Amino acid sequence: MFVVRPAHLDDLDKLMKLSRDKAPGMTTFPSTEEKFTERLEQSVSAFADPVDMGKQSHYLLVLEDLETGNIAGTSALIVGIGLDKPFYSYRILHHTQTSNEPPVRVDTELLQLSNDFAGAIEVATLFLDPEYRQEKYRPEKLGKLVSQARYLLMASHMDRFPDRVVAEIRGWVDDKSNSPFWDAIGRHFFDLDFYEADDINGQGNSQFISDLMPKFPIYTAILPEAAQAVVGRPHDGAVPAVKLLEREGFHFSGAVDIFDAGPLFEARTDMITTVRNSVEGTFAGSVEGGHSDHTHLAANVDIKSFRVAATSVVEGSSGLWLPESAARALQVSEGSTIRYISLGTGRGSAAKGGEQ
């Protein structure tokens, strides 16, 4: 069985092993032990400390294989992006010019450097260990579990999260990991390779962007065709992540990453499908066995014991019933509050059942 839970400080070694298999360009996943220790400490504090919307906080979740103790994946929420350091993107602007003599109309597109998302939540660090992408583990279900767990956390503690959510998607690169967009713009202002510059930015050093990037709008028409073609185009390997976001109600924000022109998606927190459709109930008790084909995601909503598992929820007259294995995984006891959502319909309704 698998459970999503907050990352602990003693997860460091397993997470460092996982980081070696991360996708190129995944800048929210630290690469050094020092940076990962810092990120873990930030996450532990985020779950433990009182709410402070005036500073940035990191909530890091891990997907644990309870049978082996392995960490099979991660996801995260970064709250308050752009508050301590700018969160830069290119806003796509559309401009129309007309002339009467001769009668001509010209529609142009510009890229304007901006920090439009300051204060928002970023959903980030969605990653599944390559070992757990094997078909026997049903990776599509594991991906949904570790992704949707973030939204169940948000739904359970709305006071901790701003009302705007964004997601950065990796931009398109060729089979040699070259970015046409970077080659057309960034390379002229930075004496750095694409992934080196992107990694520096991902580690939180955005000042060099402010110092070196052009401040004036860039006309896309003057870019090479190869660069124009990838503005807003996701990396081939990121298409499944885009589909997950769209199912949750995210839409293209009209902004792209300044390095590879990958699209930024956004949504209102209270309009995210899992946030809107999940419901809470009281845990009444556990039953032996349970369906192997899980029908729900269920969460222990207690902030210090937050956990999410795929299971089957049955609604009885006295409350909600779970299989024993799920109750143990979620660490719930009679009277605990559970938030749940159906995997099939996207609605929170549980199966109907009699008194157990």
Protein backbone atom coordinates (compact mmCIF):
# COMPACT_ATOMS: atom_id res chain seq x y z
CA MET A 1 0.00 0.00 0.00
CA PHE A 2 1.10 3.58 -0.67
CA VAL A 3 0.56 6.70 1.41
CA VAL A 4 1.37 10.35 0.81
CA ARG A 5 2.68 12.15 3.90
CA PRO A 6 4.76 15.21 4.84
CA ALA A 7 8.50 14.74 4.31
CA HIS A 8 10.60 14.19 7.43
CA LEU A 9 14.20 15.17 8.12
CA ASP A 10 15.20 11.50 8.18
CA ASP A 11 13.97 11.12 4.59
CA LEU A 12 17.08 12.98 3.38
CA ASP A 13 19.11 9.99 2.15
CA LYS A 14 16.18 8.49 0.25
CA LEU A 15 15.30 11.85 -1.30
CA MET A 16 18.90 12.44 -2.36
CA LYS A 17 18.83 9.06 -4.10
CA LEU A 18 15.60 10.09 -5.80
CA SER A 19 17.06 13.43 -6.89
CA ARG A 20 19.68 11.65 -9.00
CA ASP A 21 16.87 10.33 -11.20
CA LYS A 22 14.97 13.59 -11.52
CA ALA A 23 14.13 15.00 -14.91
CA PRO A 24 16.47 17.65 -16.37
CA GLY A 25 15.09 21.12 -15.74
CA MET A 26 13.21 20.12 -12.59
CA THR A 27 14.59 23.08 -10.69
CA THR A 28 12.33 22.84 -7.63
CA PHE A 29 13.96 19.51 -6.72
CA PRO A 30 17.26 20.34 -4.90
CA SER A 31 20.39 18.62 -6.16
CA THR A 32 22.72 19.01 -3.16
CA GLU A 33 22.44 17.61 0.36
CA GLU A 34 22.75 21.12 1.81
CA LYS A 35 19.88 22.48 -0.30
CA PHE A 36 17.71 19.43 0.35
CA THR A 37 18.27 19.67 4.10
CA GLU A 38 17.20 23.31 3.93
CA ARG A 39 14.09 22.38 1.95
CA LEU A 40 13.17 19.64 4.43
CA GLU A 41 13.59 22.02 7.36
CA GLN A 42 11.35 24.55 5.60
CA SER A 43 8.69 21.89 5.03
CA VAL A 44 8.77 20.65 8.61
CA SER A 45 8.32 24.25 9.78
CA ALA A 46 5.48 24.88 7.32
CA PHE A 47 3.46 21.98 8.70
CA ALA A 48 4.25 22.84 12.33
CA ASP A 49 4.18 26.63 12.51
CA PRO A 50 1.17 29.00 12.69
CA VAL A 51 -0.01 30.50 9.42
CA ASP A 52 2.05 33.47 8.14
CA MET A 53 0.92 34.63 4.70
CA GLY A 54 3.61 37.30 4.64
CA LYS A 55 6.45 34.89 3.95
CA GLN A 56 7.22 32.06 1.58
CA SER A 57 6.70 28.51 2.84
CA HIS A 58 7.32 25.06 1.36
CA TYR A 59 5.15 21.99 1.89
CA LEU A 60 6.96 18.89 0.62
CA LEU A 61 5.02 15.62 0.36
CA VAL A 62 6.44 12.17 -0.27
CA LEU A 63 4.82 9.02 -1.64
CA GLU A 64 5.86 6.13 0.61
CA ASP A 65 5.68 2.44 -0.29
CA LEU A 66 4.58 1.08 3.08
CA GLU A 67 5.66 -2.45 2.18
CA THR A 68 9.30 -1.54 1.55
CA GLY A 69 9.68 1.90 3.17
CA ASN A 70 10.89 3.31 -0.16
CA ILE A 71 10.01 6.82 -1.24
CA ALA A 72 8.36 6.35 -4.61
CA GLY A 73 7.64 9.97 -5.48
CA THR A 74 7.19 13.56 -4.39
CA SER A 75 5.02 16.63 -4.85
CA ALA A 76 5.05 20.05 -3.23
CA LEU A 77 3.29 23.34 -2.64
CA ILE A 78 5.35 26.53 -2.55
CA VAL A 79 3.28 29.25 -0.90
CA GLY A 80 4.04 32.93 -1.45
CA ILE A 81 6.17 32.75 -4.59
CA GLY A 82 7.71 36.06 -5.58
CA LEU A 83 7.47 37.54 -2.08
CA ASP A 84 11.11 37.19 -1.05
CA LYS A 85 12.60 37.08 -4.58
CA PRO A 86 10.92 37.81 -7.92
CA PHE A 87 9.14 34.96 -9.70
CA TYR A 88 9.80 36.05 -13.25
CA SER A 89 7.89 35.04 -16.36
CA TYR A 90 7.24 36.44 -19.81
CA ARG A 91 3.70 37.76 -20.17
CA ILE A 92 2.47 37.32 -23.76
CA LEU A 93 1.02 40.61 -24.99
CA HIS A 94 -0.94 41.11 -28.21
CA HIS A 95 -0.70 44.41 -30.06
CA THR A 96 -2.53 45.58 -33.18
CA GLN A 97 -1.37 48.46 -35.38
CA THR A 98 -3.28 49.88 -38.34
CA SER A 99 -2.57 52.28 -41.15
CA ASN A 100 -5.15 54.08 -43.30
CA GLU A 101 -2.86 54.90 -46.22
CA PRO A 102 -2.23 52.28 -47.37
CA PRO A 103 -4.85 50.25 -45.44
CA VAL A 104 -2.76 47.78 -43.47
CA ARG A 105 -3.30 45.95 -40.20
CA VAL A 106 -0.43 44.32 -38.33
CA ASP A 107 -1.01 42.00 -35.38
CA THR A 108 2.09 41.49 -33.28
CA GLU A 109 2.98 39.49 -30.19
CA LEU A 110 5.34 40.69 -27.50
CA LEU A 111 6.99 39.12 -24.46
CA GLN A 112 7.09 41.35 -21.37
CA LEU A 113 9.20 40.44 -18.34
CA SER A 114 6.90 40.38 -15.30
CA ASN A 115 6.46 39.26 -11.70
CA ASP A 116 2.68 38.84 -12.02
CA PHE A 117 2.32 35.82 -9.75
CA ALA A 118 3.75 37.29 -6.55
CA GLY A 119 2.06 35.81 -3.49
CA ALA A 120 0.49 32.84 -5.30
CA ILE A 121 0.92 29.11 -4.62
CA GLU A 122 3.08 27.08 -6.97
CA VAL A 123 2.34 23.38 -7.38
CA ALA A 124 5.73 21.81 -7.96
CA THR A 125 8.13 18.88 -7.63
CA LEU A 126 5.74 16.27 -9.04
CA PHE A 127 7.98 13.27 -9.60
CA LEU A 128 7.64 9.49 -9.67
CA ASP A 129 10.67 7.24 -9.18
CA PRO A 130 11.46 5.48 -12.50
CA GLU A 131 11.26 2.13 -10.67
CA TYR A 132 7.61 2.82 -9.83
CA ARG A 133 6.74 3.71 -13.41
CA GLN A 134 6.64 0.00 -14.22
CA GLU A 135 3.17 -1.18 -15.21
CA LYS A 136 2.88 -3.52 -12.20
CA TYR A 137 2.75 -0.47 -9.91
CA ARG A 138 -0.02 1.17 -11.97
CA PRO A 139 1.94 4.41 -12.28
CA GLU A 140 -1.02 6.42 -13.58
CA LYS A 141 -2.79 5.83 -10.26
CA LEU A 142 0.32 6.61 -8.23
CA GLY A 143 0.74 9.82 -10.21
CA LYS A 144 -2.81 10.88 -9.45
CA LEU A 145 -2.38 10.03 -5.76
CA VAL A 146 0.77 12.09 -5.24
CA SER A 147 -0.58 14.95 -7.38
CA GLN A 148 -4.07 15.20 -5.89
CA ALA A 149 -2.75 14.89 -2.33
CA ARG A 150 -1.63 18.53 -2.63
CA TYR A 151 -5.15 19.67 -3.44
CA LEU A 152 -6.59 17.69 -0.53
CA LEU A 153 -4.09 19.46 1.73
CA MET A 154 -5.23 22.81 0.35
CA ALA A 155 -8.91 21.92 0.72
CA SER A 156 -8.38 20.80 4.33
CA HIS A 157 -6.54 23.99 5.37
CA MET A 158 -7.77 26.83 3.18
CA ASP A 159 -6.56 29.40 5.70
CA ARG A 160 -2.95 28.42 4.90
CA PHE A 161 -3.18 28.98 1.15
CA PRO A 162 -3.69 32.04 -1.10
CA ASP A 163 -6.51 32.11 -3.62
CA ARG A 164 -4.33 31.79 -6.74
CA VAL A 165 -2.37 28.71 -7.84
CA VAL A 166 0.17 28.43 -10.66
CA ALA A 167 2.11 25.56 -12.21
CA GLU A 168 5.25 25.84 -14.33
CA ILE A 169 5.55 23.27 -17.11
CA ARG A 170 8.89 22.36 -18.65
CA GLY A 171 9.34 23.88 -22.08
CA TRP A 172 10.18 22.00 -25.26
CA VAL A 173 13.78 20.96 -25.95
CA ASP A 174 15.18 18.84 -28.75
CA ASP A 175 16.64 15.34 -28.45
CA LYS A 176 20.00 16.87 -27.48
CA SER A 177 18.39 18.96 -24.71
CA ASN A 178 18.85 22.20 -26.60
CA SER A 179 16.22 24.89 -26.09
CA PRO A 180 15.46 26.91 -29.25
CA PHE A 181 13.98 29.67 -27.11
CA TRP A 182 17.04 29.93 -24.87
CA ASP A 183 19.32 29.97 -27.89
CA ALA A 184 17.30 32.83 -29.38
CA ILE A 185 17.15 35.07 -26.27
CA GLY A 186 18.81 33.97 -23.05
CA ARG A 187 22.13 32.92 -24.54
CA HIS A 188 22.69 36.51 -25.73
CA PHE A 189 22.49 37.86 -22.17
CA PHE A 190 24.02 35.04 -20.08
CA ASP A 191 27.34 33.36 -20.64
CA LEU A 192 25.79 30.11 -19.40
CA ASP A 193 24.36 26.90 -20.79
CA PHE A 194 20.58 26.59 -20.63
CA TYR A 195 20.35 24.06 -17.79
CA GLU A 196 23.04 25.84 -15.78
CA ALA A 197 21.14 29.13 -15.86
CA ASP A 198 17.81 27.41 -15.19
CA ASP A 199 19.28 25.56 -12.21
CA ILE A 200 20.70 28.75 -10.70
CA ASN A 201 17.28 30.35 -10.96
CA GLY A 202 15.58 27.27 -9.53
CA GLN A 203 17.82 27.38 -6.47
CA GLY A 204 16.39 30.81 -5.66
CA ASN A 205 18.98 33.16 -7.16
CA SER A 206 16.73 35.26 -9.37
CA GLN A 207 18.68 38.51 -8.91
CA PHE A 208 20.94 37.75 -11.87
CA ILE A 209 17.83 37.65 -14.09
CA SER A 210 16.83 41.12 -12.97
CA ASP A 211 20.37 42.36 -13.57
CA LEU A 212 20.90 40.87 -17.01
CA MET A 213 17.61 40.17 -18.79
CA PRO A 214 16.25 42.83 -21.21
CA LYS A 215 13.69 45.11 -19.58
CA PHE A 216 11.88 46.06 -22.78
CA PRO A 217 9.26 43.93 -24.57
CA ILE A 218 10.54 41.44 -27.14
CA TYR A 219 8.72 41.09 -30.46
CA THR A 220 8.33 37.38 -31.17
CA ALA A 221 8.30 38.09 -34.91
CA ILE A 222 12.02 38.86 -34.83
CA LEU A 223 12.85 35.52 -33.21
CA PRO A 224 13.90 32.53 -35.31
CA GLU A 225 10.98 30.35 -36.41
CA ALA A 226 12.22 27.50 -34.20
CA ALA A 227 11.97 29.75 -31.13
CA GLN A 228 8.56 31.13 -32.10
CA ALA A 229 7.25 27.57 -32.51
CA VAL A 230 8.01 26.56 -28.90
CA VAL A 231 6.53 29.56 -27.07
CA GLY A 232 3.99 27.97 -24.72
CA ARG A 233 4.79 24.44 -25.93
CA PRO A 234 5.32 21.87 -23.14
CA HIS A 235 8.13 19.34 -23.14
CA ASP A 236 6.99 16.05 -24.67
CA GLY A 237 7.47 14.32 -21.33
CA ALA A 238 5.37 16.95 -19.53
CA VAL A 239 2.18 16.33 -21.53
CA PRO A 240 0.74 13.91 -18.89
CA ALA A 241 1.31 16.57 -16.21
CA VAL A 242 -0.56 19.11 -18.35
CA LYS A 243 -3.51 16.72 -18.65
CA LEU A 244 -3.60 16.27 -14.86
CA LEU A 245 -3.65 20.04 -14.42
CA GLU A 246 -6.41 20.53 -16.98
CA ARG A 247 -8.56 17.89 -15.29
CA GLU A 248 -8.18 19.89 -12.09
CA GLY A 249 -9.43 23.04 -13.78
CA PHE A 250 -6.12 24.76 -14.56
CA HIS A 251 -5.82 26.82 -17.76
CA PHE A 252 -3.00 28.52 -19.64
CA SER A 253 -2.22 31.82 -17.90
CA GLY A 254 -0.89 33.71 -20.90
CA ALA A 255 2.65 33.64 -19.46
CA VAL A 256 5.68 31.47 -20.21
CA ASP A 257 8.97 30.61 -18.56
CA ILE A 258 11.77 33.06 -19.35
CA PHE A 259 14.31 30.32 -20.07
CA ASP A 260 12.53 27.69 -22.18
CA ALA A 261 9.12 29.35 -22.86
CA GLY A 262 7.26 26.50 -21.14
CA PRO A 263 3.63 27.41 -20.34
CA LEU A 264 2.46 28.55 -16.91
CA PHE A 265 -0.97 27.28 -15.91
CA GLU A 266 -3.14 28.86 -13.25
CA ALA A 267 -6.38 28.31 -11.31
CA ARG A 268 -8.34 29.79 -8.46
CA THR A 269 -7.73 27.72 -5.35
CA ASP A 270 -11.41 27.24 -4.56
CA MET A 271 -12.19 26.23 -8.15
CA ILE A 272 -9.68 23.37 -8.38
CA THR A 273 -11.71 20.19 -8.97
CA THR A 274 -10.36 18.25 -5.99
CA VAL A 275 -10.72 21.26 -3.68
CA ARG A 276 -14.26 21.98 -4.83
CA ASN A 277 -15.60 18.42 -4.91
CA SER A 278 -13.91 16.77 -1.93
CA VAL A 279 -15.94 16.56 1.28
CA GLU A 280 -15.29 15.88 4.94
CA GLY A 281 -16.81 13.32 7.24
CA THR A 282 -16.17 11.56 10.54
CA PHE A 283 -14.34 8.24 10.68
CA ALA A 284 -16.65 5.70 12.32
CA GLY A 285 -14.45 2.61 12.21
CA SER A 286 -12.66 0.09 10.01
CA VAL A 287 -13.73 -3.15 8.37
CA GLU A 288 -11.68 -6.18 7.41
CA GLY A 289 -10.59 -6.58 3.82
CA GLY A 290 -11.64 -3.97 1.32
CA HIS A 291 -11.77 -3.50 -2.42
CA SER A 292 -8.49 -3.97 -4.27
CA ASP A 293 -9.73 -1.59 -6.98
CA HIS A 294 -9.72 1.64 -5.00
CA THR A 295 -12.56 4.07 -5.59
CA HIS A 296 -11.53 7.07 -3.48
CA LEU A 297 -8.69 9.15 -2.17
CA ALA A 298 -9.00 9.72 1.56
CA ALA A 299 -7.01 12.06 3.79
CA ASN A 300 -6.35 12.42 7.48
CA VAL A 301 -6.81 16.21 7.60
CA ASP A 302 -4.92 16.88 10.84
CA ILE A 303 -2.11 19.21 9.74
CA LYS A 304 0.54 17.47 11.85
CA SER A 305 -0.61 13.99 10.80
CA PHE A 306 -1.68 14.75 7.25
CA ARG A 307 -1.74 11.62 5.11
CA VAL A 308 -3.50 10.54 1.91
CA ALA A 309 -4.15 7.04 0.55
CA ALA A 310 -6.12 5.43 -2.25
CA THR A 311 -8.87 3.29 -0.73
CA SER A 312 -12.62 2.70 -0.69
CA VAL A 313 -14.84 4.87 1.51
CA VAL A 314 -18.23 3.59 2.65
CA GLU A 315 -20.82 5.90 4.16
CA GLY A 316 -22.78 4.47 7.09
CA SER A 317 -25.37 6.03 9.36
CA SER A 318 -22.72 6.66 12.02
CA GLY A 319 -20.03 8.05 9.70
CA LEU A 320 -17.38 6.87 7.27
CA TRP A 321 -15.88 3.38 7.17
CA LEU A 322 -12.49 2.36 5.76
CA PRO A 323 -10.64 -0.92 5.29
CA GLU A 324 -8.33 -1.68 8.20
CA SER A 325 -5.22 -1.26 6.03
CA ALA A 326 -6.30 2.21 4.99
CA ALA A 327 -7.14 3.26 8.54
CA ARG A 328 -3.66 2.17 9.65
CA ALA A 329 -1.99 3.94 6.73
CA LEU A 330 -3.87 7.16 7.46
CA GLN A 331 -3.32 6.81 11.22
CA VAL A 332 -6.94 7.66 11.98
CA SER A 333 -9.02 6.62 14.96
CA GLU A 334 -12.73 6.78 15.68
CA GLY A 335 -13.89 10.38 15.55
CA SER A 336 -11.07 11.58 13.25
CA THR A 337 -12.01 13.89 10.40
CA ILE A 338 -11.47 12.50 6.90
CA ARG A 339 -11.61 14.39 3.61
CA TYR A 340 -12.27 12.23 0.57
CA ILE A 341 -13.06 12.33 -3.12
CA SER A 342 -14.14 9.74 -5.65
CA LEU A 343 -11.53 8.70 -8.18
CA GLY A 344 -14.19 7.80 -10.72
CA THR A 345 -16.52 10.77 -10.80
CA GLY A 346 -14.45 13.51 -9.16
CA ARG A 347 -17.17 13.92 -6.54
CA GLY A 348 -16.83 13.32 -2.84
CA SER A 349 -19.79 10.99 -2.45
CA ALA A 350 -18.93 7.68 -0.80
CA ALA A 351 -20.53 4.32 -1.46
CA LYS A 352 -23.66 3.76 0.58
CA GLY A 353 -23.50 1.09 3.24
CA GLY A 354 -25.39 -0.03 6.28
CA GLU A 355 -24.23 0.12 9.89
CA GLN A 356 -20.97 -1.85 10.21
